[in-house]
Amino acid sequence: MRGFVIAAAMVLGVGEGTLAAESESIAWSSSVEAAWRAAGSLDRPMIVFVTRAGCLPCARMKTATFVDRQVARLINERFVAVVVDGAQPTPLLNELRVHAVPATFVISSEAKILDRIEGFLPPQALAARLATFTPKPQSPTPPPAASARAF
């Protein structure tokens, strides 16, 4: 049931926000719905970063941790990233049991919470946690179908 509520909240696009990284740029989505679709089609877990305006630890995550090259590379290569505004209670935030920000979650494409990080985490510590999630091997692209007629 819990996974269903998370999936439903994501499909409904609950929790939108913005985040821009300077140095090494993470491909952040501001739409939970779009990120959920991308995670499903790419068969990757999602990184859900819950933040709020005026939150100093959140600002440190944005300006120190998420701009780190290793962190950004890991997120871009292995995850679909979405940022959620934690200022307003939503079904997604209730389901994730977010009581304080920043909060960062790794959620599988099957809507299972794989990791929960509460508070600020420096770049090296976040990179070490993210590195434990190995990407699924990509299936090879099938060759184009042979044509019955050659032109």
C-alpha atoms as a PDB file:
ATOM      1  CA  MET A   1       0.000   0.000   0.000  1.00  0.00           C
ATOM      2  CA  ARG A   2       2.792   2.393   0.894  1.00  0.00           C
ATOM      3  CA  GLY A   3       4.460   2.030  -2.510  1.00  0.00           C
ATOM      4  CA  PHE A   4       1.106   2.659  -4.177  1.00  0.00           C
ATOM      5  CA  VAL A   5       0.627   5.961  -2.324  1.00  0.00           C
ATOM      6  CA  ILE A   6       4.133   7.104  -3.294  1.00  0.00           C
ATOM      7  CA  ALA A   7       3.528   6.138  -6.912  1.00  0.00           C
ATOM      8  CA  ALA A   8       0.135   7.840  -6.952  1.00  0.00           C
ATOM      9  CA  ALA A   9       1.546  11.045  -5.483  1.00  0.00           C
ATOM     10  CA  MET A  10       4.304  11.035  -8.080  1.00  0.00           C
ATOM     11  CA  VAL A  11       1.911  10.445 -10.963  1.00  0.00           C
ATOM     12  CA  LEU A  12      -0.255  13.307  -9.741  1.00  0.00           C
ATOM     13  CA  GLY A  13       2.757  15.616  -9.829  1.00  0.00           C
ATOM     14  CA  VAL A  14       2.599  16.422  -6.134  1.00  0.00           C
ATOM     15  CA  GLY A  15       5.453  18.609  -4.957  1.00  0.00           C
ATOM     16  CA  GLU A  16       7.101  20.848  -7.476  1.00  0.00           C
ATOM     17  CA  GLY A  17      10.050  23.199  -7.036  1.00  0.00           C
ATOM     18  CA  THR A  18      13.192  24.471  -8.673  1.00  0.00           C
ATOM     19  CA  LEU A  19      16.883  24.034  -8.132  1.00  0.00           C
ATOM     20  CA  ALA A  20      19.824  25.170 -10.225  1.00  0.00           C
ATOM     21  CA  ALA A  21      23.312  23.828  -9.708  1.00  0.00           C
ATOM     22  CA  GLU A  22      26.206  25.966 -10.847  1.00  0.00           C
ATOM     23  CA  SER A  23      29.455  24.075 -11.290  1.00  0.00           C
ATOM     24  CA  GLU A  24      28.649  20.541 -12.400  1.00  0.00           C
ATOM     25  CA  SER A  25      25.004  20.683 -13.308  1.00  0.00           C
ATOM     26  CA  ILE A  26      22.537  18.045 -12.183  1.00  0.00           C
ATOM     27  CA  ALA A  27      19.592  17.477 -14.504  1.00  0.00           C
ATOM     28  CA  TRP A  28      16.986  18.368 -11.851  1.00  0.00           C
ATOM     29  CA  SER A  29      13.330  18.008 -12.682  1.00  0.00           C
ATOM     30  CA  SER A  30      10.848  20.292 -10.987  1.00  0.00           C
ATOM     31  CA  SER A  31       7.971  17.941 -11.801  1.00  0.00           C
ATOM     32  CA  VAL A  32       7.539  14.777  -9.764  1.00  0.00           C
ATOM     33  CA  GLU A  33       5.256  13.404 -12.487  1.00  0.00           C
ATOM     34  CA  ALA A  34       7.859  13.927 -15.237  1.00  0.00           C
ATOM     35  CA  ALA A  35      10.626  12.481 -13.056  1.00  0.00           C
ATOM     36  CA  TRP A  36       8.509   9.448 -12.215  1.00  0.00           C
ATOM     37  CA  ARG A  37       7.860   8.777 -15.917  1.00  0.00           C
ATOM     38  CA  ALA A  38      11.568   9.188 -16.717  1.00  0.00           C
ATOM     39  CA  ALA A  39      12.593   6.875 -13.864  1.00  0.00           C
ATOM     40  CA  GLY A  40      10.209   4.232 -15.158  1.00  0.00           C
ATOM     41  CA  SER A  41      11.293   4.485 -18.779  1.00  0.00           C
ATOM     42  CA  LEU A  42      15.009   4.547 -17.889  1.00  0.00           C
ATOM     43  CA  ASP A  43      14.583   1.915 -15.146  1.00  0.00           C
ATOM     44  CA  ARG A  44      16.525   4.113 -12.718  1.00  0.00           C
ATOM     45  CA  PRO A  45      15.820   5.078  -9.130  1.00  0.00           C
ATOM     46  CA  MET A  46      14.835   8.639  -8.307  1.00  0.00           C
ATOM     47  CA  ILE A  47      16.653  11.081  -6.064  1.00  0.00           C
ATOM     48  CA  VAL A  48      13.976  13.177  -4.362  1.00  0.00           C
ATOM     49  CA  PHE A  49      15.446  16.265  -2.682  1.00  0.00           C
ATOM     50  CA  VAL A  50      13.007  18.008  -0.337  1.00  0.00           C
ATOM     51  CA  THR A  51      13.953  21.607   0.377  1.00  0.00           C
ATOM     52  CA  ARG A  52      12.351  24.846   1.548  1.00  0.00           C
ATOM     53  CA  ALA A  53      13.085  28.542   1.097  1.00  0.00           C
ATOM     54  CA  GLY A  54      15.032  29.983   4.023  1.00  0.00           C
ATOM     55  CA  CYS A  55      16.491  26.622   5.052  1.00  0.00           C
ATOM     56  CA  LEU A  56      20.237  27.081   5.618  1.00  0.00           C
ATOM     57  CA  PRO A  57      21.170  23.368   5.516  1.00  0.00           C
ATOM     58  CA  CYS A  58      19.145  23.102   2.278  1.00  0.00           C
ATOM     59  CA  ALA A  59      21.129  25.992   0.816  1.00  0.00           C
ATOM     60  CA  ARG A  60      24.375  24.246   1.814  1.00  0.00           C
ATOM     61  CA  MET A  61      23.240  21.076   0.027  1.00  0.00           C
ATOM     62  CA  LYS A  62      22.531  23.143  -3.094  1.00  0.00           C
ATOM     63  CA  THR A  63      25.749  25.171  -3.043  1.00  0.00           C
ATOM     64  CA  ALA A  64      28.240  22.643  -1.660  1.00  0.00           C
ATOM     65  CA  THR A  65      27.036  19.078  -2.078  1.00  0.00           C
ATOM     66  CA  PHE A  66      25.018  19.038  -5.284  1.00  0.00           C
ATOM     67  CA  VAL A  67      27.566  21.102  -7.249  1.00  0.00           C
ATOM     68  CA  ASP A  68      30.348  18.644  -6.460  1.00  0.00           C
ATOM     69  CA  ARG A  69      31.493  16.999  -9.709  1.00  0.00           C
ATOM     70  CA  GLN A  70      31.472  13.451  -8.330  1.00  0.00           C
ATOM     71  CA  VAL A  71      28.016  13.849  -6.780  1.00  0.00           C
ATOM     72  CA  ALA A  72      26.601  15.435  -9.939  1.00  0.00           C
ATOM     73  CA  ARG A  73      28.124  12.734 -12.153  1.00  0.00           C
ATOM     74  CA  LEU A  74      26.722   9.927  -9.979  1.00  0.00           C
ATOM     75  CA  ILE A  75      23.260  11.479  -9.916  1.00  0.00           C
ATOM     76  CA  ASN A  76      23.178  12.191 -13.657  1.00  0.00           C
ATOM     77  CA  GLU A  77      24.456   8.722 -14.598  1.00  0.00           C
ATOM     78  CA  ARG A  78      22.475   6.560 -12.165  1.00  0.00           C
ATOM     79  CA  PHE A  79      19.348   8.411 -11.077  1.00  0.00           C
ATOM     80  CA  VAL A  80      16.520  10.693 -12.113  1.00  0.00           C
ATOM     81  CA  ALA A  81      16.653  13.782  -9.906  1.00  0.00           C
ATOM     82  CA  VAL A  82      13.665  15.797  -8.729  1.00  0.00           C
ATOM     83  CA  VAL A  83      13.410  18.642  -6.250  1.00  0.00           C
ATOM     84  CA  VAL A  84      10.306  19.090  -4.107  1.00  0.00           C
ATOM     85  CA  ASP A  85       9.230  22.174  -2.158  1.00  0.00           C
ATOM     86  CA  GLY A  86       8.720  21.021   1.403  1.00  0.00           C
ATOM     87  CA  ALA A  87       6.933  24.191   2.519  1.00  0.00           C
ATOM     88  CA  GLN A  88       3.443  22.800   1.938  1.00  0.00           C
ATOM     89  CA  PRO A  89       2.265  19.437   3.264  1.00  0.00           C
ATOM     90  CA  THR A  90       1.391  17.020   0.466  1.00  0.00           C
ATOM     91  CA  PRO A  91       0.438  13.346   0.314  1.00  0.00           C
ATOM     92  CA  LEU A  92       3.930  12.565  -1.026  1.00  0.00           C
ATOM     93  CA  LEU A  93       5.665  14.342   1.869  1.00  0.00           C
ATOM     94  CA  ASN A  94       3.315  12.641   4.331  1.00  0.00           C
ATOM     95  CA  GLU A  95       4.024   9.235   2.803  1.00  0.00           C
ATOM     96  CA  LEU A  96       7.774   9.894   2.902  1.00  0.00           C
ATOM     97  CA  ARG A  97       7.326  11.072   6.503  1.00  0.00           C
ATOM     98  CA  VAL A  98       9.217  14.309   5.927  1.00  0.00           C
ATOM     99  CA  HIS A  99       9.266  16.235   9.194  1.00  0.00           C
ATOM    100  CA  ALA A 100      12.336  18.379   8.567  1.00  0.00           C
ATOM    101  CA  VAL A 101      14.364  19.597   5.602  1.00  0.00           C
ATOM    102  CA  PRO A 102      16.586  18.990   3.857  1.00  0.00           C
ATOM    103  CA  ALA A 103      15.570  15.414   3.234  1.00  0.00           C
ATOM    104  CA  THR A 104      16.882  13.320   0.380  1.00  0.00           C
ATOM    105  CA  PHE A 105      15.364  10.020  -0.704  1.00  0.00           C
ATOM    106  CA  VAL A 106      16.366   7.336  -3.144  1.00  0.00           C
ATOM    107  CA  ILE A 107      13.190   5.718  -4.464  1.00  0.00           C
ATOM    108  CA  SER A 108      13.169   2.740  -6.811  1.00  0.00           C
ATOM    109  CA  SER A 109      11.228   2.750 -10.060  1.00  0.00           C
ATOM    110  CA  GLU A 110       8.918   0.323  -8.193  1.00  0.00           C
ATOM    111  CA  ALA A 111       8.181   3.077  -5.607  1.00  0.00           C
ATOM    112  CA  LYS A 112      10.222   1.541  -2.774  1.00  0.00           C
ATOM    113  CA  ILE A 113      12.266   3.805  -0.507  1.00  0.00           C
ATOM    114  CA  LEU A 114      15.836   2.574  -0.851  1.00  0.00           C
ATOM    115  CA  ASP A 115      17.556   5.271   1.219  1.00  0.00           C
ATOM    116  CA  ARG A 116      16.552   8.191   3.424  1.00  0.00           C
ATOM    117  CA  ILE A 117      18.954  11.001   4.263  1.00  0.00           C
ATOM    118  CA  GLU A 118      17.869  13.637   6.742  1.00  0.00           C
ATOM    119  CA  GLY A 119      19.780  16.876   7.099  1.00  0.00           C
ATOM    120  CA  PHE A 120      22.909  18.193   5.422  1.00  0.00           C
ATOM    121  CA  LEU A 121      25.406  15.743   3.988  1.00  0.00           C
ATOM    122  CA  PRO A 122      28.812  16.861   2.663  1.00  0.00           C
ATOM    123  CA  PRO A 123      29.740  15.880  -0.906  1.00  0.00           C
ATOM    124  CA  GLN A 124      32.045  12.977  -0.022  1.00  0.00           C
ATOM    125  CA  ALA A 125      29.470  11.391   2.291  1.00  0.00           C
ATOM    126  CA  LEU A 126      26.644  11.699  -0.252  1.00  0.00           C
ATOM    127  CA  ALA A 127      28.852  10.378  -3.063  1.00  0.00           C
ATOM    128  CA  ALA A 128      29.747   7.339  -0.946  1.00  0.00           C
ATOM    129  CA  ARG A 129      26.066   6.574  -0.316  1.00  0.00           C
ATOM    130  CA  LEU A 130      25.064   7.096  -3.940  1.00  0.00           C
ATOM    131  CA  ALA A 131      27.928   4.911  -5.181  1.00  0.00           C
ATOM    132  CA  THR A 132      26.326   1.917  -3.450  1.00  0.00           C
ATOM    133  CA  PHE A 133      23.503   2.037  -6.004  1.00  0.00           C
ATOM    134  CA  THR A 134      24.873   0.308  -9.060  1.00  0.00           C
ATOM    135  CA  PRO A 135      23.198   1.055 -12.362  1.00  0.00           C
ATOM    136  CA  LYS A 136      21.233  -1.731 -13.981  1.00  0.00           C
ATOM    137  CA  PRO A 137      22.871  -3.049 -17.126  1.00  0.00           C
ATOM    138  CA  GLN A 138      21.304  -1.630 -20.243  1.00  0.00           C
ATOM    139  CA  SER A 139      19.965  -4.165 -22.681  1.00  0.00           C
ATOM    140  CA  PRO A 140      21.624  -3.895 -26.060  1.00  0.00           C
ATOM    141  CA  THR A 141      19.707  -2.074 -28.742  1.00  0.00           C
ATOM    142  CA  PRO A 142      18.316  -4.606 -31.185  1.00  0.00           C
ATOM    143  CA  PRO A 143      19.535  -4.250 -34.748  1.00  0.00           C
ATOM    144  CA  PRO A 144      17.098  -2.684 -37.186  1.00  0.00           C
ATOM    145  CA  ALA A 145      14.733  -5.140 -38.840  1.00  0.00           C
ATOM    146  CA  ALA A 146      15.974  -6.448 -42.154  1.00  0.00           C
ATOM    147  CA  SER A 147      14.128  -5.026 -45.087  1.00  0.00           C
ATOM    148  CA  ALA A 148      12.548  -7.362 -47.616  1.00  0.00           C
ATOM    149  CA  ARG A 149      13.466  -4.955 -50.381  1.00  0.00           C
ATOM    150  CA  ALA A 150      16.751  -3.220 -50.855  1.00  0.00           C
ATOM    151  CA  PHE A 151      16.773   0.072 -52.686  1.00  0.00           C
END
